[in-house]
Amino acid sequence: MTSDYTRDHEHELEAEYLSAADAVVLDIYEADGALFVDVVVPCPTCSEPLRASARVREVVDADIEFPIDDAEDVYD
């Protein structure tokens, strides 16, 4: 990778290029009274693994039974 590419590349993420099947949950934790989820997703431009932190803003019931045997139904 050239230094020019590294300097110009900012790993911008767009939902259009991300898939739940490509994400891995790293951590779920509480900070400053809020719940956070850290995931790793591939950069759509260079495929480098990126760690993204998301603050949980809403929790709702899900019509899913554990264990999740057929994850395909969840992500379709």
C-alpha atoms as a PDB file:
ATOM      1  CA  MET A   1       0.000   0.000   0.000  1.00  0.00           C
ATOM      2  CA  THR A   2       1.482   3.352  -0.957  1.00  0.00           C
ATOM      3  CA  SER A   3       1.855   6.140   1.568  1.00  0.00           C
ATOM      4  CA  ASP A   4      -0.364   8.387  -0.622  1.00  0.00           C
ATOM      5  CA  TYR A   5      -3.175   5.802  -0.439  1.00  0.00           C
ATOM      6  CA  THR A   6      -2.770   5.428   3.327  1.00  0.00           C
ATOM      7  CA  ARG A   7      -2.835   9.189   3.858  1.00  0.00           C
ATOM      8  CA  ASP A   8      -5.972   9.722   1.688  1.00  0.00           C
ATOM      9  CA  HIS A   9      -7.929   6.681   2.839  1.00  0.00           C
ATOM     10  CA  GLU A  10     -10.246   7.265   5.806  1.00  0.00           C
ATOM     11  CA  HIS A  11     -12.221   3.982   5.950  1.00  0.00           C
ATOM     12  CA  GLU A  12     -15.641   5.541   5.354  1.00  0.00           C
ATOM     13  CA  LEU A  13     -18.480   3.130   6.142  1.00  0.00           C
ATOM     14  CA  GLU A  14     -21.854   3.004   4.410  1.00  0.00           C
ATOM     15  CA  ALA A  15     -24.609   0.527   5.268  1.00  0.00           C
ATOM     16  CA  GLU A  16     -25.010  -0.276   1.569  1.00  0.00           C
ATOM     17  CA  TYR A  17     -21.625  -2.040   1.572  1.00  0.00           C
ATOM     18  CA  LEU A  18     -21.896  -3.808   4.955  1.00  0.00           C
ATOM     19  CA  SER A  19     -23.462  -7.170   5.703  1.00  0.00           C
ATOM     20  CA  ALA A  20     -24.453  -8.716   9.024  1.00  0.00           C
ATOM     21  CA  ALA A  21     -22.782 -11.937   7.862  1.00  0.00           C
ATOM     22  CA  ASP A  22     -19.447 -10.073   7.639  1.00  0.00           C
ATOM     23  CA  ALA A  23     -19.664  -8.560  11.135  1.00  0.00           C
ATOM     24  CA  VAL A  24     -18.232 -10.093  14.305  1.00  0.00           C
ATOM     25  CA  VAL A  25     -19.318  -8.913  17.759  1.00  0.00           C
ATOM     26  CA  LEU A  26     -16.224  -8.219  19.864  1.00  0.00           C
ATOM     27  CA  ASP A  27     -17.656  -6.759  23.023  1.00  0.00           C
ATOM     28  CA  ILE A  28     -20.822  -5.571  24.737  1.00  0.00           C
ATOM     29  CA  TYR A  29     -20.207  -3.179  27.593  1.00  0.00           C
ATOM     30  CA  GLU A  30     -21.574  -0.264  29.606  1.00  0.00           C
ATOM     31  CA  ALA A  31     -19.907   3.143  29.651  1.00  0.00           C
ATOM     32  CA  ASP A  32     -21.199   6.451  30.992  1.00  0.00           C
ATOM     33  CA  GLY A  33     -24.551   4.833  31.795  1.00  0.00           C
ATOM     34  CA  ALA A  34     -25.102   3.611  28.215  1.00  0.00           C
ATOM     35  CA  LEU A  35     -24.812   0.198  26.566  1.00  0.00           C
ATOM     36  CA  PHE A  36     -22.304  -0.186  23.692  1.00  0.00           C
ATOM     37  CA  VAL A  37     -21.634  -2.938  21.165  1.00  0.00           C
ATOM     38  CA  ASP A  38     -18.258  -3.213  19.404  1.00  0.00           C
ATOM     39  CA  VAL A  39     -18.133  -5.053  16.073  1.00  0.00           C
ATOM     40  CA  VAL A  40     -15.482  -5.707  13.450  1.00  0.00           C
ATOM     41  CA  VAL A  41     -16.433  -5.199   9.799  1.00  0.00           C
ATOM     42  CA  PRO A  42     -14.300  -5.176   6.649  1.00  0.00           C
ATOM     43  CA  CYS A  43     -13.560  -1.815   5.055  1.00  0.00           C
ATOM     44  CA  PRO A  44     -15.469  -1.817   1.745  1.00  0.00           C
ATOM     45  CA  THR A  45     -12.573  -0.023   0.030  1.00  0.00           C
ATOM     46  CA  CYS A  46      -9.486  -1.928   1.204  1.00  0.00           C
ATOM     47  CA  SER A  47     -10.909  -4.938   3.146  1.00  0.00           C
ATOM     48  CA  GLU A  48      -8.940  -4.042   6.290  1.00  0.00           C
ATOM     49  CA  PRO A  49     -10.768  -5.056   9.504  1.00  0.00           C
ATOM     50  CA  LEU A  50     -12.350  -2.056  11.222  1.00  0.00           C
ATOM     51  CA  ARG A  51     -13.605  -1.921  14.807  1.00  0.00           C
ATOM     52  CA  ALA A  52     -16.854   0.037  15.093  1.00  0.00           C
ATOM     53  CA  SER A  53     -18.531   1.025  18.365  1.00  0.00           C
ATOM     54  CA  ALA A  54     -22.288   1.531  18.434  1.00  0.00           C
ATOM     55  CA  ARG A  55     -24.316   2.984  21.266  1.00  0.00           C
ATOM     56  CA  VAL A  56     -27.562   1.093  21.889  1.00  0.00           C
ATOM     57  CA  ARG A  57     -30.398   3.610  21.580  1.00  0.00           C
ATOM     58  CA  GLU A  58     -33.382   1.259  21.386  1.00  0.00           C
ATOM     59  CA  VAL A  59     -34.226  -2.225  22.630  1.00  0.00           C
ATOM     60  CA  VAL A  60     -37.309  -4.054  21.311  1.00  0.00           C
ATOM     61  CA  ASP A  61     -38.645  -7.604  21.437  1.00  0.00           C
ATOM     62  CA  ALA A  62     -37.401  -9.925  18.697  1.00  0.00           C
ATOM     63  CA  ASP A  63     -39.335 -12.868  17.304  1.00  0.00           C
ATOM     64  CA  ILE A  64     -36.294 -15.169  17.441  1.00  0.00           C
ATOM     65  CA  GLU A  65     -35.788 -18.361  19.397  1.00  0.00           C
ATOM     66  CA  PHE A  66     -32.474 -19.310  20.978  1.00  0.00           C
ATOM     67  CA  PRO A  67     -30.245 -20.887  19.941  1.00  0.00           C
ATOM     68  CA  ILE A  68     -30.332 -19.181  16.582  1.00  0.00           C
ATOM     69  CA  ASP A  69     -29.977 -22.242  14.359  1.00  0.00           C
ATOM     70  CA  ASP A  70     -30.898 -20.677  11.037  1.00  0.00           C
ATOM     71  CA  ALA A  71     -29.331 -17.207  11.011  1.00  0.00           C
ATOM     72  CA  GLU A  72     -30.257 -16.907   7.311  1.00  0.00           C
ATOM     73  CA  ASP A  73     -33.872 -16.142   8.251  1.00  0.00           C
ATOM     74  CA  VAL A  74     -32.732 -13.322  10.550  1.00  0.00           C
ATOM     75  CA  TYR A  75     -30.636 -11.548   7.911  1.00  0.00           C
ATOM     76  CA  ASP A  76     -32.891 -11.929   4.851  1.00  0.00           C
END
